[in-house]
Amino acid sequence: MAFEVCKAESVETLLQIRSLMGKLLYRVNETMDILAIEKSKLYELVQEGELIGHNDSPGHKGLRITAESIRAYYEKYIEKK
């Protein structure tokens, strides 16, 4: 449990730092690392509308997840605990 709390705090810190730097979109692998989820779960969350994804070239690599949707999902997830 202590690891989860430490991980949660570091995720929020990472989002705050990157937000200050102006990063608005995250790659799939970055989002997976931030939320500690598998790729299939990430795509499921995008499909369900829990995360907002953008892809300028559908069918090709390039899906980006908005920082705001990552933050909202994170806050919702933490509130459930």
C-alpha atoms as a PDB file:
ATOM      1  CA  MET A   1       0.000   0.000   0.000  1.00  0.00           C
ATOM      2  CA  ALA A   2       2.832   2.402   0.796  1.00  0.00           C
ATOM      3  CA  PHE A   3       4.189   1.891  -2.720  1.00  0.00           C
ATOM      4  CA  GLU A   4       0.827   2.851  -4.228  1.00  0.00           C
ATOM      5  CA  VAL A   5       0.700   6.073  -2.207  1.00  0.00           C
ATOM      6  CA  CYS A   6       4.268   6.950  -3.184  1.00  0.00           C
ATOM      7  CA  LYS A   7       3.520   6.114  -6.827  1.00  0.00           C
ATOM      8  CA  ALA A   8       0.318   8.198  -6.727  1.00  0.00           C
ATOM      9  CA  GLU A   9       2.159  11.209  -5.357  1.00  0.00           C
ATOM     10  CA  SER A  10       4.883  10.925  -7.969  1.00  0.00           C
ATOM     11  CA  VAL A  11       2.290  10.682 -10.763  1.00  0.00           C
ATOM     12  CA  GLU A  12       0.617  13.890  -9.617  1.00  0.00           C
ATOM     13  CA  THR A  13       4.007  15.583  -9.310  1.00  0.00           C
ATOM     14  CA  LEU A  14       4.958  14.451 -12.809  1.00  0.00           C
ATOM     15  CA  LEU A  15       1.699  15.793 -14.246  1.00  0.00           C
ATOM     16  CA  GLN A  16       2.172  19.124 -12.448  1.00  0.00           C
ATOM     17  CA  ILE A  17       5.738  19.535 -13.677  1.00  0.00           C
ATOM     18  CA  ARG A  18       4.855  18.644 -17.245  1.00  0.00           C
ATOM     19  CA  SER A  19       1.788  20.868 -17.107  1.00  0.00           C
ATOM     20  CA  LEU A  20       3.968  23.800 -16.117  1.00  0.00           C
ATOM     21  CA  MET A  21       6.181  22.993 -19.062  1.00  0.00           C
ATOM     22  CA  GLY A  22       3.168  23.186 -21.363  1.00  0.00           C
ATOM     23  CA  LYS A  23       2.799  19.536 -22.387  1.00  0.00           C
ATOM     24  CA  LEU A  24      -0.824  19.022 -23.365  1.00  0.00           C
ATOM     25  CA  LEU A  25      -0.708  15.644 -25.118  1.00  0.00           C
ATOM     26  CA  TYR A  26       0.955  12.386 -24.117  1.00  0.00           C
ATOM     27  CA  ARG A  27       1.937   9.393 -26.224  1.00  0.00           C
ATOM     28  CA  VAL A  28       0.374   6.017 -25.498  1.00  0.00           C
ATOM     29  CA  ASN A  29       3.500   4.687 -23.753  1.00  0.00           C
ATOM     30  CA  GLU A  30       3.794   7.845 -21.616  1.00  0.00           C
ATOM     31  CA  THR A  31       0.150   7.539 -20.556  1.00  0.00           C
ATOM     32  CA  MET A  32       0.629   3.862 -19.746  1.00  0.00           C
ATOM     33  CA  ASP A  33       3.575   4.771 -17.502  1.00  0.00           C
ATOM     34  CA  ILE A  34       1.766   7.640 -15.790  1.00  0.00           C
ATOM     35  CA  LEU A  35      -1.352   5.598 -15.004  1.00  0.00           C
ATOM     36  CA  ALA A  36       0.471   2.248 -14.594  1.00  0.00           C
ATOM     37  CA  ILE A  37      -1.924   0.474 -16.959  1.00  0.00           C
ATOM     38  CA  GLU A  38      -1.556  -1.896 -19.907  1.00  0.00           C
ATOM     39  CA  LYS A  39      -2.030  -0.785 -23.499  1.00  0.00           C
ATOM     40  CA  SER A  40      -5.307  -2.724 -23.855  1.00  0.00           C
ATOM     41  CA  LYS A  41      -6.721  -0.964 -20.767  1.00  0.00           C
ATOM     42  CA  LEU A  42      -5.672   2.425 -22.156  1.00  0.00           C
ATOM     43  CA  TYR A  43      -7.480   1.807 -25.447  1.00  0.00           C
ATOM     44  CA  GLU A  44     -10.499   0.542 -23.508  1.00  0.00           C
ATOM     45  CA  LEU A  45     -10.565   3.784 -21.489  1.00  0.00           C
ATOM     46  CA  VAL A  46     -10.353   5.844 -24.693  1.00  0.00           C
ATOM     47  CA  GLN A  47     -13.183   3.791 -26.227  1.00  0.00           C
ATOM     48  CA  GLU A  48     -15.323   4.321 -23.110  1.00  0.00           C
ATOM     49  CA  GLY A  49     -14.585   8.054 -23.085  1.00  0.00           C
ATOM     50  CA  GLU A  50     -12.705   7.981 -19.779  1.00  0.00           C
ATOM     51  CA  LEU A  51      -9.605   9.285 -21.569  1.00  0.00           C
ATOM     52  CA  ILE A  52      -9.656  11.671 -24.509  1.00  0.00           C
ATOM     53  CA  GLY A  53      -7.448  10.650 -27.385  1.00  0.00           C
ATOM     54  CA  HIS A  54      -6.519  12.435 -30.607  1.00  0.00           C
ATOM     55  CA  ASN A  55      -5.040  10.878 -33.713  1.00  0.00           C
ATOM     56  CA  ASP A  56      -4.341  12.929 -36.817  1.00  0.00           C
ATOM     57  CA  SER A  57      -3.710   9.787 -38.886  1.00  0.00           C
ATOM     58  CA  PRO A  58      -6.126   7.005 -37.851  1.00  0.00           C
ATOM     59  CA  GLY A  59      -4.767   3.535 -38.467  1.00  0.00           C
ATOM     60  CA  HIS A  60      -1.217   4.715 -37.881  1.00  0.00           C
ATOM     61  CA  LYS A  61       0.762   5.263 -34.727  1.00  0.00           C
ATOM     62  CA  GLY A  62       0.095   8.695 -33.405  1.00  0.00           C
ATOM     63  CA  LEU A  63      -2.643   8.486 -30.781  1.00  0.00           C
ATOM     64  CA  ARG A  64      -2.141  11.166 -28.138  1.00  0.00           C
ATOM     65  CA  ILE A  65      -3.996  11.422 -24.837  1.00  0.00           C
ATOM     66  CA  THR A  66      -4.837  14.818 -23.362  1.00  0.00           C
ATOM     67  CA  ALA A  67      -3.140  15.807 -20.114  1.00  0.00           C
ATOM     68  CA  GLU A  68      -6.468  17.039 -18.777  1.00  0.00           C
ATOM     69  CA  SER A  69      -8.183  13.682 -19.329  1.00  0.00           C
ATOM     70  CA  ILE A  70      -5.262  11.871 -17.673  1.00  0.00           C
ATOM     71  CA  ARG A  71      -5.562  14.190 -14.675  1.00  0.00           C
ATOM     72  CA  ALA A  72      -9.358  13.769 -14.515  1.00  0.00           C
ATOM     73  CA  TYR A  73      -9.100   9.980 -14.701  1.00  0.00           C
ATOM     74  CA  TYR A  74      -6.397   9.980 -12.038  1.00  0.00           C
ATOM     75  CA  GLU A  75      -8.466  12.124  -9.676  1.00  0.00           C
ATOM     76  CA  LYS A  76     -11.543   9.963 -10.262  1.00  0.00           C
ATOM     77  CA  TYR A  77      -9.520   6.807  -9.627  1.00  0.00           C
ATOM     78  CA  ILE A  78      -8.048   8.180  -6.395  1.00  0.00           C
ATOM     79  CA  GLU A  79     -11.480   9.307  -5.168  1.00  0.00           C
ATOM     80  CA  LYS A  80     -12.765   5.724  -5.548  1.00  0.00           C
ATOM     81  CA  LYS A  81     -10.163   4.482  -3.053  1.00  0.00           C
END
